Amino acid sequence: MNKLLASLRNWVSYALPLARRVPSHYSPGLVVRQHQGRKVLDTQYANYSYGPLHQVLRYALMHVPAGPPDAPVLVLGMGGGGIIELLRQERAHTGPITAVELDPAIVEVAATEFNIRPDNTLQIVCADAFAWLPTAPTAAYELVVVDLFLDLLLPPQLSNPGFWQHLRRVLRPGGTVVLNTLQQAPLYIDGQVATEYLAGLGLRVKELEVEYNLVLIARG
C-alpha cells in the first residue's frame, strides 16, 4: 500500500506539484516540494537542496581535483543533504563526512524526506558553523564545502577573518575549499575582496560563474 501511494504521489507530481511546509525558526518559508517526480527543499526565495543548487554544486565539484576517496570531508551548511548525495554517488566518496547544519528542522527533513542520516561515514552536527569551526581539529579535512546561505542572504560572519583563519587551519596541505556565493553580492573579508583575502592565506583561487552563483574553488 505504501509503495502504491508513493507511486501515485510521484505520478500526480508531474501534473500538480505537491508541497509540505516545514515550521522553522531559522528558515522562513521552508518547504519540501515534489515536482516532476523529484523532491526538492526550498525556502521562500531560494532552493536549498536537490534543485538548481544541486546543479551548481555538481558543476563546482567537477572542478575539484580528485583526492583520495576515503579522505575526510567537511560540509558547512548541509541543507537537505544534496552535497552528501553528490559526494557519495558521483564522486564515489567512501571516507568520513562531517556535516554541520544550523537548523534542526532541516536536519529532520534531510532524514525523513531525503534519507540523509548519520551512519558510519556521516556525522551530522546540528550547530552554528561559525561557533563550531574553532573546535574542529587542525589539518583534518581534504575538502571543505561552505554553503552557508540563509534564504538568499550570506551571513555576515563570512566577512570575519577569524572564520577563514580557522578554515585554513582545519584544511589539509593541498586541500580544497568550495565556497558558494552570489554574483550580484561580492563577498568581502576584512575589507578585501574574498579572492584577494584567500590568496593572502596562501590559497590559489579559481572563480566559477554558475547561473546567479559565484563559486570560489580555493586550493592550499
Protein backbone atom coordinates (compact mmCIF):
# COMPACT_ATOMS: atom_id res chain seq x y z
CA MET A 1 0.00 0.00 0.00
CA ASN A 2 2.82 2.43 0.89
CA LYS A 3 4.58 1.72 -2.42
CA LEU A 4 1.33 2.27 -4.30
CA LEU A 5 0.75 5.59 -2.51
CA ALA A 6 4.30 6.74 -3.22
CA SER A 7 3.91 5.80 -6.87
CA LEU A 8 0.62 7.71 -7.07
CA ARG A 9 2.18 10.81 -5.47
CA ASN A 10 5.05 10.60 -7.91
CA TRP A 11 2.67 10.43 -10.88
CA VAL A 12 0.50 13.29 -9.58
CA SER A 13 3.58 15.49 -9.06
CA TYR A 14 4.10 15.70 -12.83
CA ALA A 15 0.70 17.34 -13.23
CA LEU A 16 0.38 19.16 -9.91
CA PRO A 17 3.43 19.97 -7.78
CA LEU A 18 2.97 18.79 -4.19
CA ALA A 19 4.33 20.66 -1.18
CA ARG A 20 4.75 20.20 2.57
CA ARG A 21 5.55 23.26 4.64
CA VAL A 22 8.01 22.75 7.49
CA PRO A 23 7.99 25.05 10.54
CA SER A 24 11.45 26.51 11.12
CA HIS A 25 12.87 29.17 13.39
CA TYR A 26 15.81 29.83 11.07
CA SER A 27 14.38 29.28 7.59
CA PRO A 28 11.05 31.06 6.98
CA GLY A 29 9.00 29.52 4.21
CA LEU A 30 10.80 26.18 4.39
CA VAL A 31 9.01 23.71 2.15
CA VAL A 32 9.55 20.28 0.65
CA ARG A 33 8.18 20.15 -2.88
CA GLN A 34 7.70 17.18 -5.13
CA HIS A 35 7.81 18.32 -8.70
CA GLN A 36 8.17 16.17 -11.81
CA GLY A 37 8.94 13.12 -9.74
CA ARG A 38 11.72 14.62 -7.60
CA LYS A 39 11.71 16.16 -4.15
CA VAL A 40 13.42 19.49 -3.57
CA LEU A 41 13.92 21.61 -0.46
CA ASP A 42 13.19 25.33 -0.80
CA THR A 43 12.86 28.42 1.34
CA GLN A 44 10.72 31.41 0.46
CA TYR A 45 13.10 32.67 -2.21
CA ALA A 46 15.86 30.08 -2.60
CA ASN A 47 16.49 26.45 -3.39
CA TYR A 48 18.30 24.69 -0.54
CA SER A 49 18.74 21.18 -1.94
CA TYR A 50 18.19 18.97 -4.98
CA GLY A 51 17.03 21.74 -7.34
CA PRO A 52 19.13 24.43 -9.09
CA LEU A 53 21.60 24.44 -6.19
CA HIS A 54 22.27 20.75 -6.85
CA GLN A 55 23.42 21.64 -10.35
CA VAL A 56 25.61 24.47 -9.05
CA LEU A 57 27.37 22.16 -6.59
CA ARG A 58 27.65 19.37 -9.14
CA TYR A 59 29.40 21.75 -11.53
CA ALA A 60 31.67 23.04 -8.76
CA LEU A 61 32.74 19.53 -7.77
CA MET A 62 33.69 18.83 -11.38
CA HIS A 63 36.45 21.44 -10.89
CA VAL A 64 37.75 19.95 -7.63
CA PRO A 65 40.80 17.72 -8.09
CA ALA A 66 40.10 14.09 -7.30
CA GLY A 67 41.69 13.29 -3.96
CA PRO A 68 41.75 10.03 -2.05
CA PRO A 69 38.17 8.68 -1.97
CA ASP A 70 38.47 7.96 1.73
CA ALA A 71 39.79 11.41 2.73
CA PRO A 72 37.78 13.33 5.35
CA VAL A 73 35.35 15.99 4.08
CA LEU A 74 33.73 18.86 5.98
CA VAL A 75 30.41 20.37 4.87
CA LEU A 76 29.35 23.67 6.46
CA GLY A 77 25.67 24.12 5.62
CA MET A 78 24.26 20.66 4.91
CA GLY A 79 20.75 21.64 3.86
CA GLY A 80 18.74 18.61 2.81
CA GLY A 81 21.92 16.69 2.07
CA GLY A 82 22.25 17.15 -1.67
CA ILE A 83 26.00 17.64 -1.35
CA ILE A 84 26.24 14.34 0.56
CA GLU A 85 24.47 12.59 -2.33
CA LEU A 86 26.81 14.19 -4.87
CA LEU A 87 29.92 13.22 -2.92
CA ARG A 88 28.85 9.64 -2.44
CA GLN A 89 27.18 8.86 -5.76
CA GLU A 90 29.03 10.99 -8.29
CA ARG A 91 32.49 11.27 -6.70
CA ALA A 92 32.39 7.77 -5.20
CA HIS A 93 33.50 9.20 -1.87
CA THR A 94 33.78 6.50 0.79
CA GLY A 95 35.51 8.39 3.59
CA PRO A 96 34.15 10.23 6.62
CA ILE A 97 31.96 13.30 6.10
CA THR A 98 31.23 15.78 8.87
CA ALA A 99 28.19 17.93 8.03
CA VAL A 100 27.28 20.96 10.14
CA GLU A 101 23.74 22.35 9.87
CA LEU A 102 22.26 25.15 11.97
CA ASP A 103 18.57 24.36 11.57
CA PRO A 104 17.18 21.29 13.40
CA ALA A 105 14.10 21.40 11.16
CA ILE A 106 16.35 20.92 8.12
CA VAL A 107 18.23 18.06 9.82
CA GLU A 108 14.87 16.36 10.39
CA VAL A 109 13.78 16.94 6.79
CA ALA A 110 17.08 15.58 5.48
CA ALA A 111 16.40 12.36 7.38
CA THR A 112 12.70 11.88 6.74
CA GLU A 113 12.41 13.20 3.18
CA PHE A 114 15.86 12.54 1.67
CA ASN A 115 17.18 9.63 3.74
CA ILE A 116 20.27 11.57 4.84
CA ARG A 117 21.01 10.22 8.32
CA PRO A 118 24.12 9.75 10.43
CA ASP A 119 25.91 6.48 9.70
CA ASN A 120 29.39 5.01 9.96
CA THR A 121 30.76 7.56 7.46
CA LEU A 122 28.46 10.55 8.08
CA GLN A 123 28.45 12.66 11.23
CA ILE A 124 25.73 15.32 11.33
CA VAL A 125 26.30 18.17 13.79
CA CYS A 126 23.34 20.46 14.49
CA ALA A 127 25.19 23.64 15.40
CA ASP A 128 26.18 27.11 14.29
CA ALA A 129 29.07 26.54 11.86
CA PHE A 130 30.76 29.77 12.94
CA ALA A 131 30.79 28.67 16.58
CA TRP A 132 31.65 25.04 15.78
CA LEU A 133 34.58 25.58 13.41
CA PRO A 134 37.08 26.77 16.09
CA THR A 135 36.54 23.41 17.85
CA ALA A 136 37.46 21.37 14.75
CA PRO A 137 40.82 19.57 14.61
CA THR A 138 43.77 21.06 12.75
CA ALA A 139 44.68 19.81 9.24
CA ALA A 140 41.78 17.34 9.35
CA TYR A 141 39.94 17.78 6.03
CA GLU A 142 40.90 17.25 2.41
CA LEU A 143 37.80 19.08 1.16
CA VAL A 144 35.65 21.74 2.83
CA VAL A 145 32.36 22.79 1.24
CA VAL A 146 30.95 26.11 2.53
CA ASP A 147 27.30 26.72 1.62
CA LEU A 148 26.06 28.94 4.44
CA PHE A 149 23.11 30.77 2.98
CA LEU A 150 20.13 31.96 5.00
CA ASP A 151 17.47 32.05 2.29
CA LEU A 152 19.12 34.32 -0.32
CA LEU A 153 21.48 36.05 2.10
CA LEU A 154 25.07 35.31 3.04
CA PRO A 155 25.55 35.50 6.82
CA PRO A 156 27.70 38.48 7.87
CA GLN A 157 30.07 36.17 9.76
CA LEU A 158 31.52 35.11 6.39
CA SER A 159 33.23 38.51 6.32
CA ASN A 160 35.00 37.79 9.60
CA PRO A 161 38.67 36.94 9.04
CA GLY A 162 38.66 34.70 12.11
CA PHE A 163 36.32 32.26 10.36
CA TRP A 164 38.68 31.94 7.40
CA GLN A 165 41.75 31.61 9.55
CA HIS A 166 40.13 28.67 11.31
CA LEU A 167 39.03 27.21 8.00
CA ARG A 168 42.59 27.45 6.68
CA ARG A 169 43.76 25.75 9.88
CA VAL A 170 41.46 22.73 9.50
CA LEU A 171 42.36 22.24 5.81
CA ARG A 172 44.98 19.65 4.96
CA PRO A 173 48.01 20.75 2.96
CA GLY A 174 46.96 20.70 -0.68
CA GLY A 175 43.29 20.50 0.30
CA THR A 176 40.42 22.36 -1.38
CA VAL A 177 37.70 24.76 -0.22
CA VAL A 178 34.48 25.18 -2.24
CA LEU A 179 32.64 28.40 -1.33
CA ASN A 180 29.18 29.12 -2.75
CA THR A 181 28.36 32.85 -3.01
CA LEU A 182 26.32 35.18 -5.22
CA GLN A 183 27.48 37.05 -8.33
CA GLN A 184 25.48 40.18 -7.52
CA ALA A 185 26.71 40.42 -3.91
CA PRO A 186 30.52 40.14 -3.84
CA LEU A 187 31.92 38.80 -0.59
CA TYR A 188 34.41 40.97 1.27
CA ILE A 189 36.57 39.59 4.06
CA ASP A 190 38.16 42.09 6.43
CA GLY A 191 37.57 44.81 3.81
CA GLN A 192 39.17 42.84 0.96
CA VAL A 193 37.57 41.07 -1.98
CA ALA A 194 37.31 37.41 -0.99
CA THR A 195 39.66 36.21 -3.72
CA GLU A 196 42.39 38.61 -2.60
CA TYR A 197 41.98 37.75 1.07
CA LEU A 198 42.07 34.00 0.44
CA ALA A 199 45.16 34.41 -1.73
CA GLY A 200 46.76 36.13 1.25
CA LEU A 201 46.13 32.95 3.26
CA GLY A 202 48.17 31.02 0.74
CA LEU A 203 45.21 29.64 -1.23
CA ARG A 204 45.05 29.56 -5.03
CA VAL A 205 41.57 30.73 -6.02
CA LYS A 206 39.50 29.98 -9.12
CA GLU A 207 36.15 31.65 -9.80
CA LEU A 208 33.23 29.83 -11.44
CA GLU A 209 30.10 31.66 -12.54
CA VAL A 210 27.11 29.31 -12.44
CA GLU A 211 23.64 30.80 -13.02
CA TYR A 212 23.35 33.53 -10.35
CA ASN A 213 26.01 31.93 -8.17
CA LEU A 214 29.70 32.65 -7.91
CA VAL A 215 31.63 29.62 -6.67
CA LEU A 216 35.18 30.02 -5.40
CA ILE A 217 37.47 27.00 -5.57
CA ALA A 218 40.45 27.62 -3.26
CA ARG A 219 43.34 25.16 -3.04
CA GLY A 220 46.05 25.00 -0.43
